[in-house]
Amino acid sequence: GHIKSFCIHCGSALPNLQMDGALLV
């Protein structure tokens, strides 16, 4: 559940949905 979304080109951290889409981080 420790989730990180990122750009595959530059590695920048990006938003993601957690808890089956109930929480936007």
mmCIF file of all heavy atoms, coordinates in Angstrom:
data_MODEL
# 
_entry.id   MODEL 
# 
loop_
_atom_site.group_PDB 
_atom_site.id 
_atom_site.type_symbol 
_atom_site.label_atom_id 
_atom_site.label_alt_id 
_atom_site.label_comp_id 
_atom_site.label_asym_id 
_atom_site.label_entity_id 
_atom_site.label_seq_id 
_atom_site.pdbx_PDB_ins_code 
_atom_site.Cartn_x 
_atom_site.Cartn_y 
_atom_site.Cartn_z 
_atom_site.occupancy 
_atom_site.B_iso_or_equiv 
_atom_site.pdbx_formal_charge 
_atom_site.auth_seq_id 
_atom_site.auth_comp_id 
_atom_site.auth_asym_id 
_atom_site.auth_atom_id 
_atom_site.pdbx_PDB_model_num 
ATOM 1   N N   . GLY A 1 1  ? 0.811   -1.212 0.000   1.00 0.00 ? 1  GLY A N   1 
ATOM 2   C CA  . GLY A 1 1  ? 0.000   0.000  0.000   1.00 0.00 ? 1  GLY A CA  1 
ATOM 3   C C   . GLY A 1 1  ? 0.842   1.258  0.000   1.00 0.00 ? 1  GLY A C   1 
ATOM 4   O O   . GLY A 1 1  ? 0.316   2.360  -0.091  1.00 0.00 ? 1  GLY A O   1 
ATOM 5   N N   . HIS A 1 2  ? 2.170   1.102  0.101   1.00 0.00 ? 2  HIS A N   1 
ATOM 6   C CA  . HIS A 1 2  ? 3.045   2.274  -0.078  1.00 0.00 ? 2  HIS A CA  1 
ATOM 7   C C   . HIS A 1 2  ? 3.194   2.433  -1.584  1.00 0.00 ? 2  HIS A C   1 
ATOM 8   O O   . HIS A 1 2  ? 3.925   1.685  -2.241  1.00 0.00 ? 2  HIS A O   1 
ATOM 9   C CB  . HIS A 1 2  ? 4.406   2.084  0.585   1.00 0.00 ? 2  HIS A CB  1 
ATOM 10  C CG  . HIS A 1 2  ? 5.280   3.286  0.387   1.00 0.00 ? 2  HIS A CG  1 
ATOM 11  N ND1 . HIS A 1 2  ? 5.214   4.368  1.221   1.00 0.00 ? 2  HIS A ND1 1 
ATOM 12  C CD2 . HIS A 1 2  ? 6.164   3.589  -0.575  1.00 0.00 ? 2  HIS A CD2 1 
ATOM 13  C CE1 . HIS A 1 2  ? 6.054   5.291  0.779   1.00 0.00 ? 2  HIS A CE1 1 
ATOM 14  N NE2 . HIS A 1 2  ? 6.643   4.846  -0.310  1.00 0.00 ? 2  HIS A NE2 1 
ATOM 15  N N   . ILE A 1 3  ? 2.455   3.408  -2.135  1.00 0.00 ? 3  ILE A N   1 
ATOM 16  C CA  . ILE A 1 3  ? 2.317   3.553  -3.577  1.00 0.00 ? 3  ILE A CA  1 
ATOM 17  C C   . ILE A 1 3  ? 2.940   4.859  -4.049  1.00 0.00 ? 3  ILE A C   1 
ATOM 18  O O   . ILE A 1 3  ? 2.760   5.903  -3.410  1.00 0.00 ? 3  ILE A O   1 
ATOM 19  C CB  . ILE A 1 3  ? 0.827   3.494  -3.962  1.00 0.00 ? 3  ILE A CB  1 
ATOM 20  C CG1 . ILE A 1 3  ? 0.267   2.114  -3.592  1.00 0.00 ? 3  ILE A CG1 1 
ATOM 21  C CG2 . ILE A 1 3  ? 0.619   3.794  -5.433  1.00 0.00 ? 3  ILE A CG2 1 
ATOM 22  C CD1 . ILE A 1 3  ? -1.238  2.023  -3.673  1.00 0.00 ? 3  ILE A CD1 1 
ATOM 23  N N   . LYS A 1 4  ? 3.644   4.769  -5.165  1.00 0.00 ? 4  LYS A N   1 
ATOM 24  C CA  . LYS A 1 4  ? 4.212   5.967  -5.786  1.00 0.00 ? 4  LYS A CA  1 
ATOM 25  C C   . LYS A 1 4  ? 3.989   5.872  -7.287  1.00 0.00 ? 4  LYS A C   1 
ATOM 26  O O   . LYS A 1 4  ? 4.302   4.855  -7.901  1.00 0.00 ? 4  LYS A O   1 
ATOM 27  C CB  . LYS A 1 4  ? 5.703   6.073  -5.501  1.00 0.00 ? 4  LYS A CB  1 
ATOM 28  C CG  . LYS A 1 4  ? 6.337   7.273  -6.190  1.00 0.00 ? 4  LYS A CG  1 
ATOM 29  C CD  . LYS A 1 4  ? 7.820   7.380  -5.934  1.00 0.00 ? 4  LYS A CD  1 
ATOM 30  C CE  . LYS A 1 4  ? 8.364   8.616  -6.599  1.00 0.00 ? 4  LYS A CE  1 
ATOM 31  N NZ  . LYS A 1 4  ? 9.727   8.911  -6.219  1.00 0.00 ? 4  LYS A NZ  1 
ATOM 32  N N   . SER A 1 5  ? 3.456   6.947  -7.870  1.00 0.00 ? 5  SER A N   1 
ATOM 33  C CA  . SER A 1 5  ? 3.356   7.042  -9.326  1.00 0.00 ? 5  SER A CA  1 
ATOM 34  C C   . SER A 1 5  ? 4.396   8.041  -9.791  1.00 0.00 ? 5  SER A C   1 
ATOM 35  O O   . SER A 1 5  ? 4.721   8.999  -9.081  1.00 0.00 ? 5  SER A O   1 
ATOM 36  C CB  . SER A 1 5  ? 1.957   7.489  -9.741  1.00 0.00 ? 5  SER A CB  1 
ATOM 37  O OG  . SER A 1 5  ? 1.029   6.462  -9.474  1.00 0.00 ? 5  SER A OG  1 
ATOM 38  N N   . PHE A 1 6  ? 4.927   7.820  -11.003 1.00 0.00 ? 6  PHE A N   1 
ATOM 39  C CA  . PHE A 1 6  ? 6.023   8.652  -11.483 1.00 0.00 ? 6  PHE A CA  1 
ATOM 40  C C   . PHE A 1 6  ? 6.060   8.656  -13.006 1.00 0.00 ? 6  PHE A C   1 
ATOM 41  O O   . PHE A 1 6  ? 5.545   7.750  -13.662 1.00 0.00 ? 6  PHE A O   1 
ATOM 42  C CB  . PHE A 1 6  ? 7.362   8.152  -10.929 1.00 0.00 ? 6  PHE A CB  1 
ATOM 43  C CG  . PHE A 1 6  ? 7.636   6.710  -11.262 1.00 0.00 ? 6  PHE A CG  1 
ATOM 44  C CD1 . PHE A 1 6  ? 8.375   6.366  -12.383 1.00 0.00 ? 6  PHE A CD1 1 
ATOM 45  C CD2 . PHE A 1 6  ? 7.131   5.695  -10.463 1.00 0.00 ? 6  PHE A CD2 1 
ATOM 46  C CE1 . PHE A 1 6  ? 8.610   5.037  -12.704 1.00 0.00 ? 6  PHE A CE1 1 
ATOM 47  C CE2 . PHE A 1 6  ? 7.360   4.357  -10.773 1.00 0.00 ? 6  PHE A CE2 1 
ATOM 48  C CZ  . PHE A 1 6  ? 8.099   4.027  -11.900 1.00 0.00 ? 6  PHE A CZ  1 
ATOM 49  N N   . CYS A 1 7  ? 6.711   9.678  -13.560 1.00 0.00 ? 7  CYS A N   1 
ATOM 50  C CA  . CYS A 1 7  ? 6.939   9.781  -15.001 1.00 0.00 ? 7  CYS A CA  1 
ATOM 51  C C   . CYS A 1 7  ? 8.091   8.853  -15.373 1.00 0.00 ? 7  CYS A C   1 
ATOM 52  O O   . CYS A 1 7  ? 9.142   8.871  -14.724 1.00 0.00 ? 7  CYS A O   1 
ATOM 53  C CB  . CYS A 1 7  ? 7.282   11.226 -15.360 1.00 0.00 ? 7  CYS A CB  1 
ATOM 54  S SG  . CYS A 1 7  ? 7.841   11.432 -17.076 1.00 0.00 ? 7  CYS A SG  1 
ATOM 55  N N   . ILE A 1 8  ? 7.898   8.049  -16.421 1.00 0.00 ? 8  ILE A N   1 
ATOM 56  C CA  . ILE A 1 8  ? 8.950   7.111  -16.831 1.00 0.00 ? 8  ILE A CA  1 
ATOM 57  C C   . ILE A 1 8  ? 10.143  7.810  -17.479 1.00 0.00 ? 8  ILE A C   1 
ATOM 58  O O   . ILE A 1 8  ? 11.217  7.220  -17.608 1.00 0.00 ? 8  ILE A O   1 
ATOM 59  C CB  . ILE A 1 8  ? 8.414   6.021  -17.782 1.00 0.00 ? 8  ILE A CB  1 
ATOM 60  C CG1 . ILE A 1 8  ? 7.878   6.623  -19.077 1.00 0.00 ? 8  ILE A CG1 1 
ATOM 61  C CG2 . ILE A 1 8  ? 7.388   5.163  -17.079 1.00 0.00 ? 8  ILE A CG2 1 
ATOM 62  C CD1 . ILE A 1 8  ? 7.544   5.593  -20.155 1.00 0.00 ? 8  ILE A CD1 1 
ATOM 63  N N   . HIS A 1 9  ? 9.989   9.071  -17.864 1.00 0.00 ? 9  HIS A N   1 
ATOM 64  C CA  . HIS A 1 9  ? 11.084  9.797  -18.513 1.00 0.00 ? 9  HIS A CA  1 
ATOM 65  C C   . HIS A 1 9  ? 11.966  10.548 -17.518 1.00 0.00 ? 9  HIS A C   1 
ATOM 66  O O   . HIS A 1 9  ? 13.184  10.511 -17.633 1.00 0.00 ? 9  HIS A O   1 
ATOM 67  C CB  . HIS A 1 9  ? 10.535  10.775 -19.556 1.00 0.00 ? 9  HIS A CB  1 
ATOM 68  C CG  . HIS A 1 9  ? 9.752   10.093 -20.625 1.00 0.00 ? 9  HIS A CG  1 
ATOM 69  N ND1 . HIS A 1 9  ? 10.328  9.367  -21.637 1.00 0.00 ? 9  HIS A ND1 1 
ATOM 70  C CD2 . HIS A 1 9  ? 8.419   10.000 -20.811 1.00 0.00 ? 9  HIS A CD2 1 
ATOM 71  C CE1 . HIS A 1 9  ? 9.395   8.863  -22.416 1.00 0.00 ? 9  HIS A CE1 1 
ATOM 72  N NE2 . HIS A 1 9  ? 8.217   9.229  -21.940 1.00 0.00 ? 9  HIS A NE2 1 
ATOM 73  N N   . CYS A 1 10 ? 11.342  11.249 -16.561 1.00 0.00 ? 10 CYS A N   1 
ATOM 74  C CA  . CYS A 1 10 ? 12.138  12.068 -15.646 1.00 0.00 ? 10 CYS A CA  1 
ATOM 75  C C   . CYS A 1 10 ? 12.060  11.621 -14.188 1.00 0.00 ? 10 CYS A C   1 
ATOM 76  O O   . CYS A 1 10 ? 12.803  12.127 -13.356 1.00 0.00 ? 10 CYS A O   1 
ATOM 77  C CB  . CYS A 1 10 ? 11.732  13.539 -15.758 1.00 0.00 ? 10 CYS A CB  1 
ATOM 78  S SG  . CYS A 1 10 ? 10.046  13.896 -15.228 1.00 0.00 ? 10 CYS A SG  1 
ATOM 79  N N   . GLY A 1 11 ? 11.172  10.686 -13.874 1.00 0.00 ? 11 GLY A N   1 
ATOM 80  C CA  . GLY A 1 11 ? 11.079  10.161 -12.514 1.00 0.00 ? 11 GLY A CA  1 
ATOM 81  C C   . GLY A 1 11 ? 10.279  11.008 -11.545 1.00 0.00 ? 11 GLY A C   1 
ATOM 82  O O   . GLY A 1 11 ? 10.172  10.668 -10.373 1.00 0.00 ? 11 GLY A O   1 
ATOM 83  N N   . SER A 1 12 ? 9.713   12.114 -12.018 1.00 0.00 ? 12 SER A N   1 
ATOM 84  C CA  . SER A 1 12 ? 8.945   12.989 -11.124 1.00 0.00 ? 12 SER A CA  1 
ATOM 85  C C   . SER A 1 12 ? 7.768   12.253 -10.502 1.00 0.00 ? 12 SER A C   1 
ATOM 86  O O   . SER A 1 12 ? 7.083   11.475 -11.161 1.00 0.00 ? 12 SER A O   1 
ATOM 87  C CB  . SER A 1 12 ? 8.384   14.191 -11.905 1.00 0.00 ? 12 SER A CB  1 
ATOM 88  O OG  . SER A 1 12 ? 9.413   14.999 -12.378 1.00 0.00 ? 12 SER A OG  1 
ATOM 89  N N   . ALA A 1 13 ? 7.531   12.522 -9.221  1.00 0.00 ? 13 ALA A N   1 
ATOM 90  C CA  . ALA A 1 13 ? 6.385   11.953 -8.513  1.00 0.00 ? 13 ALA A CA  1 
ATOM 91  C C   . ALA A 1 13 ? 5.093   12.562 -9.052  1.00 0.00 ? 13 ALA A C   1 
ATOM 92  O O   . ALA A 1 13 ? 5.022   13.759 -9.331  1.00 0.00 ? 13 ALA A O   1 
ATOM 93  C CB  . ALA A 1 13 ? 6.503   12.244 -7.018  1.00 0.00 ? 13 ALA A CB  1 
ATOM 94  N N   . LEU A 1 14 ? 4.083   11.707 -9.201  1.00 0.00 ? 14 LEU A N   1 
ATOM 95  C CA  . LEU A 1 14 ? 2.806   12.125 -9.770  1.00 0.00 ? 14 LEU A CA  1 
ATOM 96  C C   . LEU A 1 14 ? 1.651   11.580 -8.936  1.00 0.00 ? 14 LEU A C   1 
ATOM 97  O O   . LEU A 1 14 ? 1.833   10.656 -8.149  1.00 0.00 ? 14 LEU A O   1 
ATOM 98  C CB  . LEU A 1 14 ? 2.700   11.625 -11.217 1.00 0.00 ? 14 LEU A CB  1 
ATOM 99  C CG  . LEU A 1 14 ? 3.696   12.255 -12.193 1.00 0.00 ? 14 LEU A CG  1 
ATOM 100 C CD1 . LEU A 1 14 ? 3.739   11.468 -13.494 1.00 0.00 ? 14 LEU A CD1 1 
ATOM 101 C CD2 . LEU A 1 14 ? 3.343   13.719 -12.449 1.00 0.00 ? 14 LEU A CD2 1 
ATOM 102 N N   . PRO A 1 15 ? 0.455   12.123 -9.118  1.00 0.00 ? 15 PRO A N   1 
ATOM 103 C CA  . PRO A 1 15 ? -0.704  11.667 -8.342  1.00 0.00 ? 15 PRO A CA  1 
ATOM 104 C C   . PRO A 1 15 ? -1.049  10.205 -8.614  1.00 0.00 ? 15 PRO A C   1 
ATOM 105 O O   . PRO A 1 15 ? -0.716  9.653  -9.663  1.00 0.00 ? 15 PRO A O   1 
ATOM 106 C CB  . PRO A 1 15 ? -1.850  12.562 -8.840  1.00 0.00 ? 15 PRO A CB  1 
ATOM 107 C CG  . PRO A 1 15 ? -1.200  13.722 -9.476  1.00 0.00 ? 15 PRO A CG  1 
ATOM 108 C CD  . PRO A 1 15 ? 0.103   13.228 -10.016 1.00 0.00 ? 15 PRO A CD  1 
ATOM 109 N N   . ASN A 1 16 ? -1.727  9.612  -7.654  1.00 0.00 ? 16 ASN A N   1 
ATOM 110 C CA  . ASN A 1 16 ? -2.226  8.255  -7.820  1.00 0.00 ? 16 ASN A CA  1 
ATOM 111 C C   . ASN A 1 16 ? -3.478  8.058  -6.982  1.00 0.00 ? 16 ASN A C   1 
ATOM 112 O O   . ASN A 1 16 ? -3.738  8.805  -6.052  1.00 0.00 ? 16 ASN A O   1 
ATOM 113 C CB  . ASN A 1 16 ? -1.151  7.224  -7.474  1.00 0.00 ? 16 ASN A CB  1 
ATOM 114 C CG  . ASN A 1 16 ? -0.724  7.298  -6.030  1.00 0.00 ? 16 ASN A CG  1 
ATOM 115 O OD1 . ASN A 1 16 ? -1.446  6.883  -5.134  1.00 0.00 ? 16 ASN A OD1 1 
ATOM 116 N ND2 . ASN A 1 16 ? 0.467   7.838  -5.803  1.00 0.00 ? 16 ASN A ND2 1 
ATOM 117 N N   . LEU A 1 17 ? -4.215  7.037  -7.361  1.00 0.00 ? 17 LEU A N   1 
ATOM 118 C CA  . LEU A 1 17 ? -5.416  6.652  -6.621  1.00 0.00 ? 17 LEU A CA  1 
ATOM 119 C C   . LEU A 1 17 ? -5.084  5.451  -5.754  1.00 0.00 ? 17 LEU A C   1 
ATOM 120 O O   . LEU A 1 17 ? -4.416  4.521  -6.204  1.00 0.00 ? 17 LEU A O   1 
ATOM 121 C CB  . LEU A 1 17 ? -6.554  6.312  -7.581  1.00 0.00 ? 17 LEU A CB  1 
ATOM 122 C CG  . LEU A 1 17 ? -7.117  7.509  -8.349  1.00 0.00 ? 17 LEU A CG  1 
ATOM 123 C CD1 . LEU A 1 17 ? -8.047  7.033  -9.455  1.00 0.00 ? 17 LEU A CD1 1 
ATOM 124 C CD2 . LEU A 1 17 ? -7.849  8.457  -7.410  1.00 0.00 ? 17 LEU A CD2 1 
ATOM 125 N N   . GLN A 1 18 ? -5.540  5.497  -4.514  1.00 0.00 ? 18 GLN A N   1 
ATOM 126 C CA  . GLN A 1 18 ? -5.304  4.412  -3.571  1.00 0.00 ? 18 GLN A CA  1 
ATOM 127 C C   . GLN A 1 18 ? -6.626  3.965  -2.967  1.00 0.00 ? 18 GLN A C   1 
ATOM 128 O O   . GLN A 1 18 ? -7.662  4.590  -3.186  1.00 0.00 ? 18 GLN A O   1 
ATOM 129 C CB  . GLN A 1 18 ? -4.334  4.873  -2.477  1.00 0.00 ? 18 GLN A CB  1 
ATOM 130 C CG  . GLN A 1 18 ? -2.983  5.280  -3.033  1.00 0.00 ? 18 GLN A CG  1 
ATOM 131 C CD  . GLN A 1 18 ? -1.970  5.651  -1.967  1.00 0.00 ? 18 GLN A CD  1 
ATOM 132 O OE1 . GLN A 1 18 ? -2.115  5.339  -0.795  1.00 0.00 ? 18 GLN A OE1 1 
ATOM 133 N NE2 . GLN A 1 18 ? -0.916  6.330  -2.387  1.00 0.00 ? 18 GLN A NE2 1 
ATOM 134 N N   . MET A 1 19 ? -6.580  2.887  -2.207  1.00 0.00 ? 19 MET A N   1 
ATOM 135 C CA  . MET A 1 19 ? -7.762  2.344  -1.524  1.00 0.00 ? 19 MET A CA  1 
ATOM 136 C C   . MET A 1 19 ? -8.896  2.099  -2.514  1.00 0.00 ? 19 MET A C   1 
ATOM 137 O O   . MET A 1 19 ? -10.005 2.601  -2.349  1.00 0.00 ? 19 MET A O   1 
ATOM 138 C CB  . MET A 1 19 ? -8.193  3.269  -0.389  1.00 0.00 ? 19 MET A CB  1 
ATOM 139 C CG  . MET A 1 19 ? -7.114  3.469  0.668   1.00 0.00 ? 19 MET A CG  1 
ATOM 140 S SD  . MET A 1 19 ? -7.482  4.747  1.882   1.00 0.00 ? 19 MET A SD  1 
ATOM 141 C CE  . MET A 1 19 ? -8.991  4.127  2.595   1.00 0.00 ? 19 MET A CE  1 
ATOM 142 N N   . ASP A 1 20 ? -8.569  1.365  -3.587  1.00 0.00 ? 20 ASP A N   1 
ATOM 143 C CA  . ASP A 1 20 ? -9.540  1.032  -4.643  1.00 0.00 ? 20 ASP A CA  1 
ATOM 144 C C   . ASP A 1 20 ? -10.200 2.269  -5.238  1.00 0.00 ? 20 ASP A C   1 
ATOM 145 O O   . ASP A 1 20 ? -11.392 2.274  -5.542  1.00 0.00 ? 20 ASP A O   1 
ATOM 146 C CB  . ASP A 1 20 ? -10.609 0.063  -4.116  1.00 0.00 ? 20 ASP A CB  1 
ATOM 147 C CG  . ASP A 1 20 ? -10.029 -1.292 -3.769  1.00 0.00 ? 20 ASP A CG  1 
ATOM 148 O OD1 . ASP A 1 20 ? -9.127  -1.758 -4.499  1.00 0.00 ? 20 ASP A OD1 1 
ATOM 149 O OD2 . ASP A 1 20 ? -10.477 -1.891 -2.774  1.00 0.00 ? 20 ASP A OD2 1 
ATOM 150 N N   . GLY A 1 21 ? -9.414  3.334  -5.395  1.00 0.00 ? 21 GLY A N   1 
ATOM 151 C CA  . GLY A 1 21 ? -9.905  4.554  -6.021  1.00 0.00 ? 21 GLY A CA  1 
ATOM 152 C C   . GLY A 1 21 ? -10.605 5.517  -5.084  1.00 0.00 ? 21 GLY A C   1 
ATOM 153 O O   . GLY A 1 21 ? -11.051 6.587  -5.507  1.00 0.00 ? 21 GLY A O   1 
ATOM 154 N N   . ALA A 1 22 ? -10.689 5.181  -3.801  1.00 0.00 ? 22 ALA A N   1 
ATOM 155 C CA  . ALA A 1 22 ? -11.400 6.037  -2.840  1.00 0.00 ? 22 ALA A CA  1 
ATOM 156 C C   . ALA A 1 22 ? -10.569 7.227  -2.377  1.00 0.00 ? 22 ALA A C   1 
ATOM 157 O O   . ALA A 1 22 ? -11.105 8.202  -1.851  1.00 0.00 ? 22 ALA A O   1 
ATOM 158 C CB  . ALA A 1 22 ? -11.843 5.224  -1.627  1.00 0.00 ? 22 ALA A CB  1 
ATOM 159 N N   . LEU A 1 23 ? -9.245  7.172  -2.564  1.00 0.00 ? 23 LEU A N   1 
ATOM 160 C CA  . LEU A 1 23 ? -8.372  8.228  -2.059  1.00 0.00 ? 23 LEU A CA  1 
ATOM 161 C C   . LEU A 1 23 ? -7.412  8.687  -3.148  1.00 0.00 ? 23 LEU A C   1 
ATOM 162 O O   . LEU A 1 23 ? -6.656  7.880  -3.709  1.00 0.00 ? 23 LEU A O   1 
ATOM 163 C CB  . LEU A 1 23 ? -7.563  7.722  -0.859  1.00 0.00 ? 23 LEU A CB  1 
ATOM 164 C CG  . LEU A 1 23 ? -6.671  8.736  -0.174  1.00 0.00 ? 23 LEU A CG  1 
ATOM 165 C CD1 . LEU A 1 23 ? -7.510  9.845  0.479   1.00 0.00 ? 23 LEU A CD1 1 
ATOM 166 C CD2 . LEU A 1 23 ? -5.797  8.054  0.865   1.00 0.00 ? 23 LEU A CD2 1 
ATOM 167 N N   . LEU A 1 24 ? -7.433  9.971  -3.439  1.00 0.00 ? 24 LEU A N   1 
ATOM 168 C CA  . LEU A 1 24 ? -6.491  10.579 -4.376  1.00 0.00 ? 24 LEU A CA  1 
ATOM 169 C C   . LEU A 1 24 ? -5.333  11.144 -3.570  1.00 0.00 ? 24 LEU A C   1 
ATOM 170 O O   . LEU A 1 24 ? -5.541  11.901 -2.621  1.00 0.00 ? 24 LEU A O   1 
ATOM 171 C CB  . LEU A 1 24 ? -7.167  11.694 -5.173  1.00 0.00 ? 24 LEU A CB  1 
ATOM 172 C CG  . LEU A 1 24 ? -6.266  12.522 -6.091  1.00 0.00 ? 24 LEU A CG  1 
ATOM 173 C CD1 . LEU A 1 24 ? -5.625  11.652 -7.175  1.00 0.00 ? 24 LEU A CD1 1 
ATOM 174 C CD2 . LEU A 1 24 ? -7.045  13.672 -6.701  1.00 0.00 ? 24 LEU A CD2 1 
ATOM 175 N N   . VAL A 1 25 ? -4.116  10.756 -3.947  1.00 0.00 ? 25 VAL A N   1 
ATOM 176 C CA  . VAL A 1 25 ? -2.901  11.240 -3.298  1.00 0.00 ? 25 VAL A CA  1 
ATOM 177 C C   . VAL A 1 25 ? -2.120  12.054 -4.322  1.00 0.00 ? 25 VAL A C   1 
ATOM 178 O O   . VAL A 1 25 ? -1.784  11.553 -5.390  1.00 0.00 ? 25 VAL A O   1 
ATOM 179 C CB  . VAL A 1 25 ? -2.044  10.072 -2.759  1.00 0.00 ? 25 VAL A CB  1 
ATOM 180 C CG1 . VAL A 1 25 ? -0.787  10.597 -2.085  1.00 0.00 ? 25 VAL A CG1 1 
ATOM 181 C CG2 . VAL A 1 25 ? -2.857  9.211  -1.801  1.00 0.00 ? 25 VAL A CG2 1 
# 
